[in-house]
Each structure stands twice: as structure tokens, then as C-alpha cells.
Amino acid sequence: MLLELGVAADRIYLDRAYSGTTRARPGLDQALAAVRPGDTLVVPKLDRLARSVPDARQIGDSLVERRIRLQLGTMIYDPADPMGKMFFNILATFAEFEVDLLRMRTREGMAIAKAKGKLKGRAPKLSAPRQAHLVKLHAAGEHTIAELAELFEVSRPTVYRVLERATAAGTPEAAR
């Protein structure tokens, strides 16, 4: 999309695996640091720049101070111009509204799934028989936690969680 908007490939900054709601995004920070007075910051959509009105305003104000134009898709907005500023704020409001709706629908969907018994969380790394075997080996005292983790091909925190659950359940081997 950015290539189609005329942005050179070496001037494209990406944030992978970062939430759009997180302000601390390295790609965005690099892009904002790379633009100079008179440049135009090109963003495919406003929700790629900011997802809250205060964040969008802060970024917009920063661009105005630095005399940098903003291009959202094919439209160029001048946040210093009253009409551009108003339109920018309206777009930011809709972007924030869209994110809020998505959150609300996700929470509702999760609540419905939980009520139906379909939202049970992550499946355990070890089956019940393997957990029992791990607890027995630990109770025998012949293996360290690190050795058990390697033997069962899980992390040490997983071994600790299995032992903790066994202790809470009152398993005799776990108490030793």
C-alpha cells in the first residue's frame, strides 16, 4: 500500500507484533524521527498511526510543530490548517470508536463462549498421566527441576506449575 502511495521501500517503517493501542512502537518512533521539516509522513490509515484521540492529537501537534504534513491514504492533511485539524480529529474519534467497539464485541463473545463452556483457556502442556509421572519423579528426589524440564520437554516454570497444582490438590507424592 505504501509503495503504491509513492513511498520508497527504504523509507517504510513497520511495527510487527505490536498492538496498535500501544504508543511505544519502534517503527512509528523511527518514522517520526526520520521525517524532517517540509516532509510528508505517509500512513495508509489513521488507525495505523494512533488509536486514541489524545494520542492522535499529540502526534498531530508534534507534526505541526515540526512543519511536517500528514498523508492518510491518498489525502494530505495539514494539521495546522483549521479544516485539516478538524477532519483529523474526526477521523481520530472514529478510529478510537472502532477500537472500542472491537473490544466490546470481543468481551461479549468471550463471555458467551465462557457461559457455554467453550472458553477453557490454554490446553495443558502435559497430559494428566505425564503430570502424575513428573510428580512421582520429583518426589523420588533423583532429578532436579531443570532435569525434569528437559526430560518432559517443557520449561522450568511449567514444571513448577505442575508441582504447585499437585501440592494444592493434596497429591501425596507432591508433599514429599
C-alpha atoms as a PDB file:
ATOM      1  CA  MET A   1       0.000   0.000   0.000  1.00  0.00           C
ATOM      2  CA  LEU A   2       2.737   2.486   0.922  1.00  0.00           C
ATOM      3  CA  LEU A   3       4.684   1.641  -2.233  1.00  0.00           C
ATOM      4  CA  GLU A   4       1.532   2.461  -4.244  1.00  0.00           C
ATOM      5  CA  LEU A   5       1.370   5.828  -2.453  1.00  0.00           C
ATOM      6  CA  GLY A   6       4.882   6.653  -3.687  1.00  0.00           C
ATOM      7  CA  VAL A   7       6.892   5.834  -0.557  1.00  0.00           C
ATOM      8  CA  ALA A   8      10.372   4.462  -1.299  1.00  0.00           C
ATOM      9  CA  ALA A   9      10.909   0.926   0.037  1.00  0.00           C
ATOM     10  CA  ASP A  10      13.844   2.050   2.199  1.00  0.00           C
ATOM     11  CA  ARG A  11      11.606   4.686   3.855  1.00  0.00           C
ATOM     12  CA  ILE A  12       8.913   2.264   5.040  1.00  0.00           C
ATOM     13  CA  TYR A  13       8.873   1.594   8.768  1.00  0.00           C
ATOM     14  CA  LEU A  14       6.879  -1.333  10.135  1.00  0.00           C
ATOM     15  CA  ASP A  15       5.800  -2.490  13.556  1.00  0.00           C
ATOM     16  CA  ARG A  16       5.262  -6.222  13.654  1.00  0.00           C
ATOM     17  CA  ALA A  17       3.632  -7.915  16.654  1.00  0.00           C
ATOM     18  CA  TYR A  18       2.848  -4.624  18.351  1.00  0.00           C
ATOM     19  CA  SER A  19      -0.645  -3.675  19.310  1.00  0.00           C
ATOM     20  CA  GLY A  20      -1.963  -0.582  17.607  1.00  0.00           C
ATOM     21  CA  THR A  21      -3.105   0.612  21.007  1.00  0.00           C
ATOM     22  CA  THR A  22       0.454   0.595  22.301  1.00  0.00           C
ATOM     23  CA  ARG A  23       2.076   4.009  21.863  1.00  0.00           C
ATOM     24  CA  ALA A  24       5.636   2.713  22.265  1.00  0.00           C
ATOM     25  CA  ARG A  25       6.094   1.272  18.770  1.00  0.00           C
ATOM     26  CA  PRO A  26       9.660   1.229  17.400  1.00  0.00           C
ATOM     27  CA  GLY A  27       8.644   1.501  13.720  1.00  0.00           C
ATOM     28  CA  LEU A  28       6.452   4.528  14.381  1.00  0.00           C
ATOM     29  CA  ASP A  29       9.175   6.113  16.503  1.00  0.00           C
ATOM     30  CA  GLN A  30      11.714   5.568  13.700  1.00  0.00           C
ATOM     31  CA  ALA A  31       9.347   7.037  11.102  1.00  0.00           C
ATOM     32  CA  LEU A  32       8.667  10.105  13.248  1.00  0.00           C
ATOM     33  CA  ALA A  33      12.403  10.556  13.822  1.00  0.00           C
ATOM     34  CA  ALA A  34      13.169  10.229  10.087  1.00  0.00           C
ATOM     35  CA  VAL A  35      10.820  12.957   8.833  1.00  0.00           C
ATOM     36  CA  ARG A  36      12.190  16.484   8.534  1.00  0.00           C
ATOM     37  CA  PRO A  37      10.510  19.895   8.192  1.00  0.00           C
ATOM     38  CA  GLY A  38       8.774  20.094   4.823  1.00  0.00           C
ATOM     39  CA  ASP A  39       8.428  16.279   4.553  1.00  0.00           C
ATOM     40  CA  THR A  40       5.153  14.415   4.383  1.00  0.00           C
ATOM     41  CA  LEU A  41       4.529  11.482   6.726  1.00  0.00           C
ATOM     42  CA  VAL A  42       2.529   8.892   4.776  1.00  0.00           C
ATOM     43  CA  VAL A  43       0.309   6.465   6.674  1.00  0.00           C
ATOM     44  CA  PRO A  44      -2.148   4.106   4.930  1.00  0.00           C
ATOM     45  CA  LYS A  45      -4.893   4.704   7.520  1.00  0.00           C
ATOM     46  CA  LEU A  46      -5.156   6.772  10.688  1.00  0.00           C
ATOM     47  CA  ASP A  47      -5.580   3.683  12.874  1.00  0.00           C
ATOM     48  CA  ARG A  48      -2.034   2.677  11.850  1.00  0.00           C
ATOM     49  CA  LEU A  49      -0.770   5.931  13.369  1.00  0.00           C
ATOM     50  CA  ALA A  50      -2.867   6.187  16.530  1.00  0.00           C
ATOM     51  CA  ARG A  51      -5.942   4.548  18.001  1.00  0.00           C
ATOM     52  CA  SER A  52      -6.892   7.091  20.599  1.00  0.00           C
ATOM     53  CA  VAL A  53      -7.866  10.702  20.150  1.00  0.00           C
ATOM     54  CA  PRO A  54      -5.312  12.014  22.690  1.00  0.00           C
ATOM     55  CA  ASP A  55      -2.522  10.029  21.027  1.00  0.00           C
ATOM     56  CA  ALA A  56      -3.548  11.252  17.554  1.00  0.00           C
ATOM     57  CA  ARG A  57      -3.674  14.835  18.802  1.00  0.00           C
ATOM     58  CA  GLN A  58      -0.249  14.534  20.394  1.00  0.00           C
ATOM     59  CA  ILE A  59       1.240  13.132  17.184  1.00  0.00           C
ATOM     60  CA  GLY A  60      -0.609  15.732  15.086  1.00  0.00           C
ATOM     61  CA  ASP A  61       0.607  18.581  17.311  1.00  0.00           C
ATOM     62  CA  SER A  62       4.156  17.216  17.097  1.00  0.00           C
ATOM     63  CA  LEU A  63       3.919  17.193  13.290  1.00  0.00           C
ATOM     64  CA  VAL A  64       2.630  20.803  13.277  1.00  0.00           C
ATOM     65  CA  GLU A  65       5.488  21.960  15.494  1.00  0.00           C
ATOM     66  CA  ARG A  66       7.978  20.291  13.166  1.00  0.00           C
ATOM     67  CA  ARG A  67       6.226  21.609   9.990  1.00  0.00           C
ATOM     68  CA  ILE A  68       5.522  18.113   8.660  1.00  0.00           C
ATOM     69  CA  ARG A  69       2.447  17.308   6.580  1.00  0.00           C
ATOM     70  CA  LEU A  70       0.425  14.145   7.098  1.00  0.00           C
ATOM     71  CA  GLN A  71      -0.899  11.970   4.295  1.00  0.00           C
ATOM     72  CA  LEU A  72      -3.566   9.420   5.229  1.00  0.00           C
ATOM     73  CA  GLY A  73      -4.056   7.165   2.247  1.00  0.00           C
ATOM     74  CA  THR A  74      -4.303   9.433  -0.760  1.00  0.00           C
ATOM     75  CA  MET A  75      -5.408  12.545   1.171  1.00  0.00           C
ATOM     76  CA  ILE A  76      -2.911  15.058   2.540  1.00  0.00           C
ATOM     77  CA  TYR A  77      -3.938  16.810   5.747  1.00  0.00           C
ATOM     78  CA  ASP A  78      -2.342  19.873   7.169  1.00  0.00           C
ATOM     79  CA  PRO A  79      -2.893  19.630  10.929  1.00  0.00           C
ATOM     80  CA  ALA A  80      -2.015  23.369  11.160  1.00  0.00           C
ATOM     81  CA  ASP A  81      -4.998  24.283   8.941  1.00  0.00           C
ATOM     82  CA  PRO A  82      -8.294  24.579  10.920  1.00  0.00           C
ATOM     83  CA  MET A  83     -10.223  22.376   8.444  1.00  0.00           C
ATOM     84  CA  GLY A  84      -7.408  19.836   8.320  1.00  0.00           C
ATOM     85  CA  LYS A  85      -7.220  19.798  12.110  1.00  0.00           C
ATOM     86  CA  MET A  86     -10.985  19.304  12.432  1.00  0.00           C
ATOM     87  CA  PHE A  87     -11.028  16.489   9.883  1.00  0.00           C
ATOM     88  CA  PHE A  88      -8.019  14.845  11.520  1.00  0.00           C
ATOM     89  CA  ASN A  89      -9.764  14.944  14.930  1.00  0.00           C
ATOM     90  CA  ILE A  90     -12.965  13.497  13.455  1.00  0.00           C
ATOM     91  CA  LEU A  91     -11.006  10.646  11.881  1.00  0.00           C
ATOM     92  CA  ALA A  92      -9.202  10.023  15.189  1.00  0.00           C
ATOM     93  CA  THR A  93     -12.544   9.898  17.002  1.00  0.00           C
ATOM     94  CA  PHE A  94     -13.887   7.304  14.554  1.00  0.00           C
ATOM     95  CA  ALA A  95     -10.693   5.231  14.801  1.00  0.00           C
ATOM     96  CA  GLU A  96     -10.962   5.196  18.605  1.00  0.00           C
ATOM     97  CA  PHE A  97     -14.678   4.338  18.358  1.00  0.00           C
ATOM     98  CA  GLU A  98     -13.857   1.406  16.039  1.00  0.00           C
ATOM     99  CA  VAL A  99     -11.296   0.021  18.528  1.00  0.00           C
ATOM    100  CA  ASP A 100     -13.716   0.420  21.436  1.00  0.00           C
ATOM    101  CA  LEU A 101     -16.431  -1.446  19.509  1.00  0.00           C
ATOM    102  CA  LEU A 102     -13.998  -4.251  18.707  1.00  0.00           C
ATOM    103  CA  ARG A 103     -13.032  -4.577  22.380  1.00  0.00           C
ATOM    104  CA  MET A 104     -16.666  -4.615  23.471  1.00  0.00           C
ATOM    105  CA  ARG A 105     -17.613  -7.286  20.921  1.00  0.00           C
ATOM    106  CA  THR A 106     -14.613  -9.407  21.872  1.00  0.00           C
ATOM    107  CA  ARG A 107     -15.539  -9.255  25.569  1.00  0.00           C
ATOM    108  CA  GLU A 108     -19.153 -10.145  24.766  1.00  0.00           C
ATOM    109  CA  GLY A 109     -18.071 -13.066  22.584  1.00  0.00           C
ATOM    110  CA  MET A 110     -15.724 -14.371  25.278  1.00  0.00           C
ATOM    111  CA  ALA A 111     -18.462 -14.094  27.921  1.00  0.00           C
ATOM    112  CA  ILE A 112     -20.872 -16.065  25.723  1.00  0.00           C
ATOM    113  CA  ALA A 113     -18.238 -18.729  24.993  1.00  0.00           C
ATOM    114  CA  LYS A 114     -17.385 -18.981  28.691  1.00  0.00           C
ATOM    115  CA  ALA A 115     -21.066 -19.354  29.602  1.00  0.00           C
ATOM    116  CA  LYS A 116     -21.365 -22.178  27.070  1.00  0.00           C
ATOM    117  CA  GLY A 117     -18.255 -23.830  28.491  1.00  0.00           C
ATOM    118  CA  LYS A 118     -16.260 -23.352  25.297  1.00  0.00           C
ATOM    119  CA  LEU A 119     -13.690 -20.917  26.669  1.00  0.00           C
ATOM    120  CA  LYS A 120     -11.487 -23.022  28.864  1.00  0.00           C
ATOM    121  CA  GLY A 121      -8.126 -21.413  28.351  1.00  0.00           C
ATOM    122  CA  ARG A 122      -4.961 -22.940  27.040  1.00  0.00           C
ATOM    123  CA  ALA A 123      -4.562 -26.721  26.945  1.00  0.00           C
ATOM    124  CA  PRO A 124      -2.011 -28.058  29.465  1.00  0.00           C
ATOM    125  CA  LYS A 125       1.466 -28.810  28.122  1.00  0.00           C
ATOM    126  CA  LEU A 126       1.446 -32.214  29.795  1.00  0.00           C
ATOM    127  CA  SER A 127      -1.363 -34.759  29.889  1.00  0.00           C
ATOM    128  CA  ALA A 128      -2.659 -35.865  33.304  1.00  0.00           C
ATOM    129  CA  PRO A 129      -0.662 -39.152  33.259  1.00  0.00           C
ATOM    130  CA  ARG A 130       2.552 -37.303  32.323  1.00  0.00           C
ATOM    131  CA  GLN A 131       1.922 -34.756  35.093  1.00  0.00           C
ATOM    132  CA  ALA A 132       1.486 -37.599  37.590  1.00  0.00           C
ATOM    133  CA  HIS A 133       4.713 -39.195  36.339  1.00  0.00           C
ATOM    134  CA  LEU A 134       6.556 -35.869  36.719  1.00  0.00           C
ATOM    135  CA  VAL A 135       5.263 -35.511  40.292  1.00  0.00           C
ATOM    136  CA  LYS A 136       6.414 -39.069  41.139  1.00  0.00           C
ATOM    137  CA  LEU A 137       9.885 -38.466  39.696  1.00  0.00           C
ATOM    138  CA  HIS A 138      10.199 -35.222  41.644  1.00  0.00           C
ATOM    139  CA  ALA A 139       9.043 -36.922  44.853  1.00  0.00           C
ATOM    140  CA  ALA A 140      11.728 -39.591  44.399  1.00  0.00           C
ATOM    141  CA  GLY A 141      14.273 -36.777  44.656  1.00  0.00           C
ATOM    142  CA  GLU A 142      16.534 -38.133  41.923  1.00  0.00           C
ATOM    143  CA  HIS A 143      16.016 -35.293  39.410  1.00  0.00           C
ATOM    144  CA  THR A 144      16.418 -31.541  39.580  1.00  0.00           C
ATOM    145  CA  ILE A 145      13.744 -29.208  38.208  1.00  0.00           C
ATOM    146  CA  ALA A 146      15.961 -28.469  35.197  1.00  0.00           C
ATOM    147  CA  GLU A 147      16.375 -32.202  34.511  1.00  0.00           C
ATOM    148  CA  LEU A 148      12.621 -32.764  34.763  1.00  0.00           C
ATOM    149  CA  ALA A 149      12.008 -29.857  32.373  1.00  0.00           C
ATOM    150  CA  GLU A 150      14.426 -31.350  29.864  1.00  0.00           C
ATOM    151  CA  LEU A 151      13.078 -34.875  30.319  1.00  0.00           C
ATOM    152  CA  PHE A 152       9.465 -33.778  29.731  1.00  0.00           C
ATOM    153  CA  GLU A 153      10.421 -31.159  27.105  1.00  0.00           C
ATOM    154  CA  VAL A 154       8.770 -28.270  28.946  1.00  0.00           C
ATOM    155  CA  SER A 155      10.039 -25.115  30.615  1.00  0.00           C
ATOM    156  CA  ARG A 156      11.052 -24.966  34.268  1.00  0.00           C
ATOM    157  CA  PRO A 157       8.075 -22.718  35.099  1.00  0.00           C
ATOM    158  CA  THR A 158       5.798 -25.427  33.678  1.00  0.00           C
ATOM    159  CA  VAL A 159       7.402 -27.993  35.999  1.00  0.00           C
ATOM    160  CA  TYR A 160       6.883 -25.650  38.953  1.00  0.00           C
ATOM    161  CA  ARG A 161       3.225 -25.100  37.982  1.00  0.00           C
ATOM    162  CA  VAL A 162       2.581 -28.869  37.742  1.00  0.00           C
ATOM    163  CA  LEU A 163       4.157 -29.412  41.169  1.00  0.00           C
ATOM    164  CA  GLU A 164       2.262 -26.460  42.637  1.00  0.00           C
ATOM    165  CA  ARG A 165      -1.076 -27.777  41.337  1.00  0.00           C
ATOM    166  CA  ALA A 166      -0.280 -31.262  42.654  1.00  0.00           C
ATOM    167  CA  THR A 167       0.521 -29.823  46.080  1.00  0.00           C
ATOM    168  CA  ALA A 168      -2.697 -27.772  46.077  1.00  0.00           C
ATOM    169  CA  ALA A 169      -4.675 -30.879  45.119  1.00  0.00           C
ATOM    170  CA  GLY A 170      -3.099 -32.752  48.018  1.00  0.00           C
ATOM    171  CA  THR A 171      -1.286 -35.395  45.943  1.00  0.00           C
ATOM    172  CA  PRO A 172       0.796 -37.441  48.419  1.00  0.00           C
ATOM    173  CA  GLU A 173       3.849 -37.568  46.130  1.00  0.00           C
ATOM    174  CA  ALA A 174       3.926 -33.774  45.753  1.00  0.00           C
ATOM    175  CA  ALA A 175       4.051 -33.251  49.509  1.00  0.00           C
ATOM    176  CA  ARG A 176       7.382 -35.065  49.827  1.00  0.00           C
END
